[in-house]
Protein backbone atom coordinates (compact mmCIF):
# COMPACT_ATOMS: atom_id res chain seq x y z
CA MET A 1 79.88 104.64 65.09
CA GLU A 2 81.83 101.62 66.24
CA LEU A 3 83.23 102.21 69.74
CA ARG A 4 85.03 98.93 70.29
CA ASN A 5 88.81 99.48 70.66
CA ARG A 6 88.34 103.27 70.75
CA TRP A 7 89.54 105.55 73.55
CA ILE A 8 86.72 107.52 75.16
CA HIS A 9 86.19 110.15 77.88
CA PHE A 10 83.64 109.81 80.68
CA ARG A 11 82.95 111.13 84.17
CA ILE A 12 83.68 108.96 87.19
CA ARG A 13 80.17 109.62 88.54
CA ASP A 14 78.70 108.01 85.40
CA VAL A 15 80.41 104.64 85.97
CA TYR A 16 77.97 101.82 86.78
CA VAL A 17 80.47 99.06 87.69
CA PRO A 18 82.43 99.19 89.90
CA ASN A 19 80.79 101.62 92.28
CA PRO A 20 82.31 105.11 91.70
CA GLU A 21 83.61 105.17 95.29
CA VAL A 22 85.47 101.89 94.71
CA LEU A 23 86.94 103.33 91.53
CA LEU A 24 88.13 106.47 93.28
CA VAL A 25 89.81 104.49 96.05
CA ALA A 26 91.53 102.27 93.50
CA LEU A 27 92.80 105.26 91.51
CA TYR A 28 93.53 107.79 94.24
CA GLY A 29 93.36 105.97 97.57
CA ASN A 30 97.04 106.53 98.35
CA ASP A 31 97.12 110.22 97.43
CA VAL A 32 97.81 112.57 100.34
CA LEU A 33 95.48 115.53 100.94
CA GLN A 34 96.15 118.65 102.98
CA GLY A 35 93.59 120.52 105.01
CA ARG A 36 92.94 122.59 108.12
CA VAL A 37 91.44 120.99 111.24
CA VAL A 38 88.27 122.89 112.14
CA GLU A 39 86.91 120.60 114.87
CA MET A 40 87.81 117.57 116.95
CA SER A 41 85.63 114.73 118.20
CA ASP A 42 84.83 114.49 121.91
CA SER A 43 87.91 112.31 122.42
CA GLY A 44 90.12 115.37 121.98
CA ASP A 45 93.76 114.64 121.23
CA GLU A 46 93.54 110.91 121.94
CA ARG A 47 94.57 108.64 119.07
CA GLU A 48 91.04 107.26 118.82
CA ALA A 49 89.75 110.78 118.15
CA PHE A 50 88.59 112.12 114.81
CA ALA A 51 89.47 115.43 113.17
CA VAL A 52 87.03 117.41 111.03
CA VAL A 53 89.15 118.83 108.21
CA ARG A 54 88.45 121.48 105.55
CA VAL A 55 90.17 120.61 102.28
CA GLU A 56 90.41 123.28 99.59
CA GLY A 57 88.30 122.32 96.61
CA LEU A 58 85.84 120.16 98.57
CA ALA A 59 82.44 121.56 99.47
CA GLU A 60 82.11 119.54 102.66
CA PRO A 61 84.69 118.85 105.37
CA VAL A 62 86.14 115.35 105.71
CA ILE A 63 86.47 113.36 108.92
CA VAL A 64 89.79 111.62 109.50
CA PRO A 65 90.98 109.43 112.39
CA VAL A 66 93.70 111.34 114.29
CA LYS A 67 95.92 108.23 114.27
CA GLN A 68 95.96 108.39 110.45
CA ILE A 69 97.28 111.96 110.24
CA GLN A 70 100.65 111.72 108.49
CA GLY A 71 102.07 115.13 109.28
CA ILE A 72 101.35 118.50 110.85
CA LEU A 73 102.37 121.80 109.28
């Protein structure tokens, strides 16, 4: 079957170039996520601190700089 000029489906994790992480940032890097803070770094509430955040749908928590938090609910 000739694939040239055909639309196809594929998983992001199967991309060889660019690196899948680069691809995700390019596609979704400006999307805003929502999660619950479950832990803070030793810096506490200082702006250099980091928050450990549980995001629904992700198996592992993410770590975000406190100064990058865009809003609090």
